Amino acid sequence: MKTKFLTVGLIAALMVPGVAMAQTRGEVRDSRQEVREQQRDLRDAKRYGDRSDVREERRDVRDARQELREDKRDWRQESRYQNYRAPFKYQQFRVGSTLRSNYYGAAYRPAYDSRWGVPRAGRNLTYVRHYNDLLLVNERNGRVVKVYRNHFNWRR
C-alpha cells in the first residue's frame, strides 16, 4: 500500500514541472490576448466615451501590459536554459579554442533558424549553443571557427 502511494507521488512530482511550464506559456498567450482586448476597448472609449472612460481604459491597458511583462519574465526564468543547461560551467570560448566532443554533442546543437541572422553552417561545421553564446565549430577537430556572444539573450 505504501509503495503505491510512493510511486504515485514520485510520478506526480515528475509531471509537475512540465504542467507548470505549459500553464506559463499559456498564460503569456492569454496575457497578449488581454492586452489586445484592452487596447480595443481603449480605442472604443476614445471614439464613443467620455474622459473618465478613457482614463479607466488606459489604466486597464497599463495593468494588462504589466501582467504580460510579468508572465514573460516568469516564462523566461523557467525555460531560459531548459534544454541547454550544460553539465559544465560557463566559460568564454575564443576563435581557435578546441572543444571536447561532449561540448558539441547533439543536445547542444540547436536546429538552424534563418531568423538568427547568421549564415548557414558550411560543410563539417555546426552551430553549438553554450548557454547564451552561439559557437560555430568544426565537427572534425572541435575547433571554434566563430563566436557569437550573448546571441540568445532574451533582452534584445
C-alpha atoms as a PDB file:
ATOM      1  CA  MET A   1       0.000   0.000   0.000  1.00  0.00           C
ATOM      2  CA  LYS A   2       2.782   2.435   0.947  1.00  0.00           C
ATOM      3  CA  THR A   3       4.662   1.531  -2.205  1.00  0.00           C
ATOM      4  CA  LYS A   4       1.701   2.529  -4.386  1.00  0.00           C
ATOM      5  CA  PHE A   5       1.435   5.931  -2.711  1.00  0.00           C
ATOM      6  CA  LEU A   6       5.170   6.455  -3.028  1.00  0.00           C
ATOM      7  CA  THR A   7       5.114   5.518  -6.707  1.00  0.00           C
ATOM      8  CA  VAL A   8       2.127   7.741  -7.442  1.00  0.00           C
ATOM      9  CA  GLY A   9       3.767  10.596  -5.528  1.00  0.00           C
ATOM     10  CA  LEU A  10       7.007  10.275  -7.497  1.00  0.00           C
ATOM     11  CA  ILE A  11       5.177  10.203 -10.814  1.00  0.00           C
ATOM     12  CA  ALA A  12       3.167  13.274  -9.840  1.00  0.00           C
ATOM     13  CA  ALA A  13       6.324  15.098  -8.742  1.00  0.00           C
ATOM     14  CA  LEU A  14       7.980  14.402 -12.092  1.00  0.00           C
ATOM     15  CA  MET A  15       4.967  15.641 -14.046  1.00  0.00           C
ATOM     16  CA  VAL A  16       4.506  18.943 -12.182  1.00  0.00           C
ATOM     17  CA  PRO A  17       7.344  20.916 -13.891  1.00  0.00           C
ATOM     18  CA  GLY A  18       6.002  20.053 -17.359  1.00  0.00           C
ATOM     19  CA  VAL A  19       2.475  21.053 -16.410  1.00  0.00           C
ATOM     20  CA  ALA A  20       3.698  24.307 -14.847  1.00  0.00           C
ATOM     21  CA  MET A  21       5.655  25.114 -17.990  1.00  0.00           C
ATOM     22  CA  ALA A  22       2.619  24.567 -20.201  1.00  0.00           C
ATOM     23  CA  GLN A  23       0.495  26.760 -17.962  1.00  0.00           C
ATOM     24  CA  THR A  24       3.049  29.566 -18.026  1.00  0.00           C
ATOM     25  CA  ARG A  25       3.314  29.518 -21.834  1.00  0.00           C
ATOM     26  CA  GLY A  26      -0.482  29.608 -21.986  1.00  0.00           C
ATOM     27  CA  GLU A  27      -0.513  32.498 -19.535  1.00  0.00           C
ATOM     28  CA  VAL A  28       1.753  34.516 -21.841  1.00  0.00           C
ATOM     29  CA  ARG A  29      -0.560  33.832 -24.770  1.00  0.00           C
ATOM     30  CA  ASP A  30      -3.611  34.772 -22.698  1.00  0.00           C
ATOM     31  CA  SER A  31      -1.918  37.955 -21.472  1.00  0.00           C
ATOM     32  CA  ARG A  32      -1.152  39.003 -25.049  1.00  0.00           C
ATOM     33  CA  GLN A  33      -4.798  38.486 -25.925  1.00  0.00           C
ATOM     34  CA  GLU A  34      -5.849  40.517 -22.877  1.00  0.00           C
ATOM     35  CA  VAL A  35      -3.602  43.425 -23.947  1.00  0.00           C
ATOM     36  CA  ARG A  36      -5.157  43.395 -27.415  1.00  0.00           C
ATOM     37  CA  GLU A  37      -8.656  43.389 -25.956  1.00  0.00           C
ATOM     38  CA  GLN A  38      -7.843  46.253 -23.593  1.00  0.00           C
ATOM     39  CA  GLN A  39      -6.344  48.273 -26.451  1.00  0.00           C
ATOM     40  CA  ARG A  40      -9.507  47.691 -28.472  1.00  0.00           C
ATOM     41  CA  ASP A  41     -11.601  48.876 -25.522  1.00  0.00           C
ATOM     42  CA  LEU A  42      -9.405  51.974 -25.217  1.00  0.00           C
ATOM     43  CA  ARG A  43      -9.930  52.813 -28.898  1.00  0.00           C
ATOM     44  CA  ASP A  44     -13.675  52.456 -28.438  1.00  0.00           C
ATOM     45  CA  ALA A  45     -13.601  54.655 -25.331  1.00  0.00           C
ATOM     46  CA  LYS A  46     -11.701  57.345 -27.251  1.00  0.00           C
ATOM     47  CA  ARG A  47     -14.297  57.256 -30.002  1.00  0.00           C
ATOM     48  CA  TYR A  48     -17.503  56.932 -28.025  1.00  0.00           C
ATOM     49  CA  GLY A  49     -16.762  57.503 -24.341  1.00  0.00           C
ATOM     50  CA  ASP A  50     -16.050  60.444 -22.096  1.00  0.00           C
ATOM     51  CA  ARG A  51     -12.812  61.368 -20.313  1.00  0.00           C
ATOM     52  CA  SER A  52     -13.375  59.076 -17.332  1.00  0.00           C
ATOM     53  CA  ASP A  53     -13.947  56.102 -19.659  1.00  0.00           C
ATOM     54  CA  VAL A  54     -10.692  56.837 -21.483  1.00  0.00           C
ATOM     55  CA  ARG A  55      -8.795  57.202 -18.189  1.00  0.00           C
ATOM     56  CA  GLU A  56     -10.170  53.914 -16.909  1.00  0.00           C
ATOM     57  CA  GLU A  57      -9.336  52.080 -20.140  1.00  0.00           C
ATOM     58  CA  ARG A  58      -5.775  53.476 -20.132  1.00  0.00           C
ATOM     59  CA  ARG A  59      -5.355  52.120 -16.629  1.00  0.00           C
ATOM     60  CA  ASP A  60      -6.660  48.728 -17.788  1.00  0.00           C
ATOM     61  CA  VAL A  61      -4.218  48.690 -20.730  1.00  0.00           C
ATOM     62  CA  ARG A  62      -1.339  49.584 -18.420  1.00  0.00           C
ATOM     63  CA  ASP A  63      -2.314  46.803 -15.996  1.00  0.00           C
ATOM     64  CA  ALA A  64      -2.643  44.273 -18.835  1.00  0.00           C
ATOM     65  CA  ARG A  65       0.806  45.194 -20.183  1.00  0.00           C
ATOM     66  CA  GLN A  66       2.298  44.824 -16.701  1.00  0.00           C
ATOM     67  CA  GLU A  67       0.719  41.392 -16.383  1.00  0.00           C
ATOM     68  CA  LEU A  68       2.160  40.415 -19.779  1.00  0.00           C
ATOM     69  CA  ARG A  69       5.649  41.558 -18.719  1.00  0.00           C
ATOM     70  CA  GLU A  70       5.408  39.519 -15.509  1.00  0.00           C
ATOM     71  CA  ASP A  71       4.202  36.418 -17.361  1.00  0.00           C
ATOM     72  CA  LYS A  72       7.027  36.731 -19.909  1.00  0.00           C
ATOM     73  CA  ARG A  73       9.570  37.124 -17.119  1.00  0.00           C
ATOM     74  CA  ASP A  74       8.244  34.025 -15.356  1.00  0.00           C
ATOM     75  CA  TRP A  75       8.290  32.026 -18.589  1.00  0.00           C
ATOM     76  CA  ARG A  76      11.864  33.097 -19.326  1.00  0.00           C
ATOM     77  CA  GLN A  77      13.050  32.167 -15.860  1.00  0.00           C
ATOM     78  CA  GLU A  78      11.533  28.713 -16.175  1.00  0.00           C
ATOM     79  CA  SER A  79      12.610  27.951 -19.742  1.00  0.00           C
ATOM     80  CA  ARG A  80      15.722  30.026 -20.389  1.00  0.00           C
ATOM     81  CA  TYR A  81      18.235  27.209 -20.109  1.00  0.00           C
ATOM     82  CA  GLN A  82      15.767  24.358 -20.095  1.00  0.00           C
ATOM     83  CA  ASN A  83      17.405  22.393 -22.914  1.00  0.00           C
ATOM     84  CA  TYR A  84      20.831  23.969 -22.793  1.00  0.00           C
ATOM     85  CA  ARG A  85      21.805  23.712 -19.129  1.00  0.00           C
ATOM     86  CA  ALA A  86      25.181  22.161 -19.607  1.00  0.00           C
ATOM     87  CA  PRO A  87      26.724  19.730 -17.130  1.00  0.00           C
ATOM     88  CA  PHE A  88      29.770  22.002 -17.135  1.00  0.00           C
ATOM     89  CA  LYS A  89      30.347  25.590 -16.077  1.00  0.00           C
ATOM     90  CA  TYR A  90      30.133  28.524 -18.439  1.00  0.00           C
ATOM     91  CA  GLN A  91      33.371  29.658 -19.991  1.00  0.00           C
ATOM     92  CA  GLN A  92      34.069  32.093 -22.770  1.00  0.00           C
ATOM     93  CA  PHE A  93      35.355  30.388 -25.866  1.00  0.00           C
ATOM     94  CA  ARG A  94      37.501  32.188 -28.401  1.00  0.00           C
ATOM     95  CA  VAL A  95      38.132  31.562 -32.065  1.00  0.00           C
ATOM     96  CA  GLY A  96      40.705  28.776 -32.316  1.00  0.00           C
ATOM     97  CA  SER A  97      39.768  27.162 -28.998  1.00  0.00           C
ATOM     98  CA  THR A  98      39.365  23.410 -29.114  1.00  0.00           C
ATOM     99  CA  LEU A  99      36.230  21.887 -27.637  1.00  0.00           C
ATOM    100  CA  ARG A 100      35.930  18.426 -26.194  1.00  0.00           C
ATOM    101  CA  SER A 101      33.385  16.318 -28.014  1.00  0.00           C
ATOM    102  CA  ASN A 102      30.868  16.489 -25.147  1.00  0.00           C
ATOM    103  CA  TYR A 103      30.691  20.279 -25.625  1.00  0.00           C
ATOM    104  CA  TYR A 104      29.321  19.911 -29.130  1.00  0.00           C
ATOM    105  CA  GLY A 105      27.172  16.837 -28.664  1.00  0.00           C
ATOM    106  CA  ALA A 106      23.740  16.545 -30.260  1.00  0.00           C
ATOM    107  CA  ALA A 107      21.976  18.005 -27.184  1.00  0.00           C
ATOM    108  CA  TYR A 108      23.751  21.349 -27.694  1.00  0.00           C
ATOM    109  CA  ARG A 109      23.181  21.664 -31.437  1.00  0.00           C
ATOM    110  CA  PRO A 110      20.071  23.762 -31.980  1.00  0.00           C
ATOM    111  CA  ALA A 111      18.266  23.435 -35.286  1.00  0.00           C
ATOM    112  CA  TYR A 112      19.374  26.215 -37.629  1.00  0.00           C
ATOM    113  CA  ASP A 113      16.954  29.101 -37.865  1.00  0.00           C
ATOM    114  CA  SER A 114      17.381  31.767 -40.548  1.00  0.00           C
ATOM    115  CA  ARG A 115      15.994  34.385 -38.127  1.00  0.00           C
ATOM    116  CA  TRP A 116      19.201  34.126 -36.086  1.00  0.00           C
ATOM    117  CA  GLY A 117      20.941  36.473 -38.500  1.00  0.00           C
ATOM    118  CA  VAL A 118      23.927  34.162 -39.007  1.00  0.00           C
ATOM    119  CA  PRO A 119      24.944  32.339 -42.170  1.00  0.00           C
ATOM    120  CA  ARG A 120      24.153  28.668 -42.571  1.00  0.00           C
ATOM    121  CA  ALA A 121      26.935  26.391 -41.309  1.00  0.00           C
ATOM    122  CA  GLY A 122      29.094  25.002 -44.073  1.00  0.00           C
ATOM    123  CA  ARG A 123      30.441  21.527 -44.651  1.00  0.00           C
ATOM    124  CA  ASN A 124      31.803  19.860 -41.491  1.00  0.00           C
ATOM    125  CA  LEU A 125      30.699  22.877 -39.442  1.00  0.00           C
ATOM    126  CA  THR A 126      27.921  23.042 -36.893  1.00  0.00           C
ATOM    127  CA  TYR A 127      26.405  25.625 -34.588  1.00  0.00           C
ATOM    128  CA  VAL A 128      26.617  24.832 -30.904  1.00  0.00           C
ATOM    129  CA  ARG A 129      24.793  26.604 -28.122  1.00  0.00           C
ATOM    130  CA  HIS A 130      26.823  27.203 -24.979  1.00  0.00           C
ATOM    131  CA  TYR A 131      24.489  28.963 -22.542  1.00  0.00           C
ATOM    132  CA  ASN A 132      23.695  32.268 -24.359  1.00  0.00           C
ATOM    133  CA  ASP A 133      26.601  32.048 -26.785  1.00  0.00           C
ATOM    134  CA  LEU A 134      26.406  30.561 -30.258  1.00  0.00           C
ATOM    135  CA  LEU A 135      29.590  28.891 -31.464  1.00  0.00           C
ATOM    136  CA  LEU A 136      30.419  27.784 -34.987  1.00  0.00           C
ATOM    137  CA  VAL A 137      32.508  24.640 -34.543  1.00  0.00           C
ATOM    138  CA  ASN A 138      34.438  22.411 -36.916  1.00  0.00           C
ATOM    139  CA  GLU A 139      32.985  18.934 -36.325  1.00  0.00           C
ATOM    140  CA  ARG A 140      36.181  17.125 -37.290  1.00  0.00           C
ATOM    141  CA  ASN A 141      38.590  18.652 -34.796  1.00  0.00           C
ATOM    142  CA  GLY A 142      36.359  20.618 -32.399  1.00  0.00           C
ATOM    143  CA  ARG A 143      37.921  23.993 -33.188  1.00  0.00           C
ATOM    144  CA  VAL A 144      35.818  27.114 -32.739  1.00  0.00           C
ATOM    145  CA  VAL A 145      35.548  28.999 -36.029  1.00  0.00           C
ATOM    146  CA  LYS A 146      33.291  31.879 -34.946  1.00  0.00           C
ATOM    147  CA  VAL A 147      31.776  33.064 -31.660  1.00  0.00           C
ATOM    148  CA  TYR A 148      28.504  34.996 -31.316  1.00  0.00           C
ATOM    149  CA  ARG A 149      28.422  36.238 -27.717  1.00  0.00           C
ATOM    150  CA  ASN A 150      25.032  36.650 -25.989  1.00  0.00           C
ATOM    151  CA  HIS A 151      23.296  35.563 -29.162  1.00  0.00           C
ATOM    152  CA  PHE A 152      20.387  34.025 -27.266  1.00  0.00           C
ATOM    153  CA  ASN A 153      19.991  36.918 -24.850  1.00  0.00           C
ATOM    154  CA  TRP A 154      16.270  37.466 -24.196  1.00  0.00           C
ATOM    155  CA  ARG A 155      16.546  41.206 -23.700  1.00  0.00           C
ATOM    156  CA  ARG A 156      17.351  42.173 -27.246  1.00  0.00           C
END
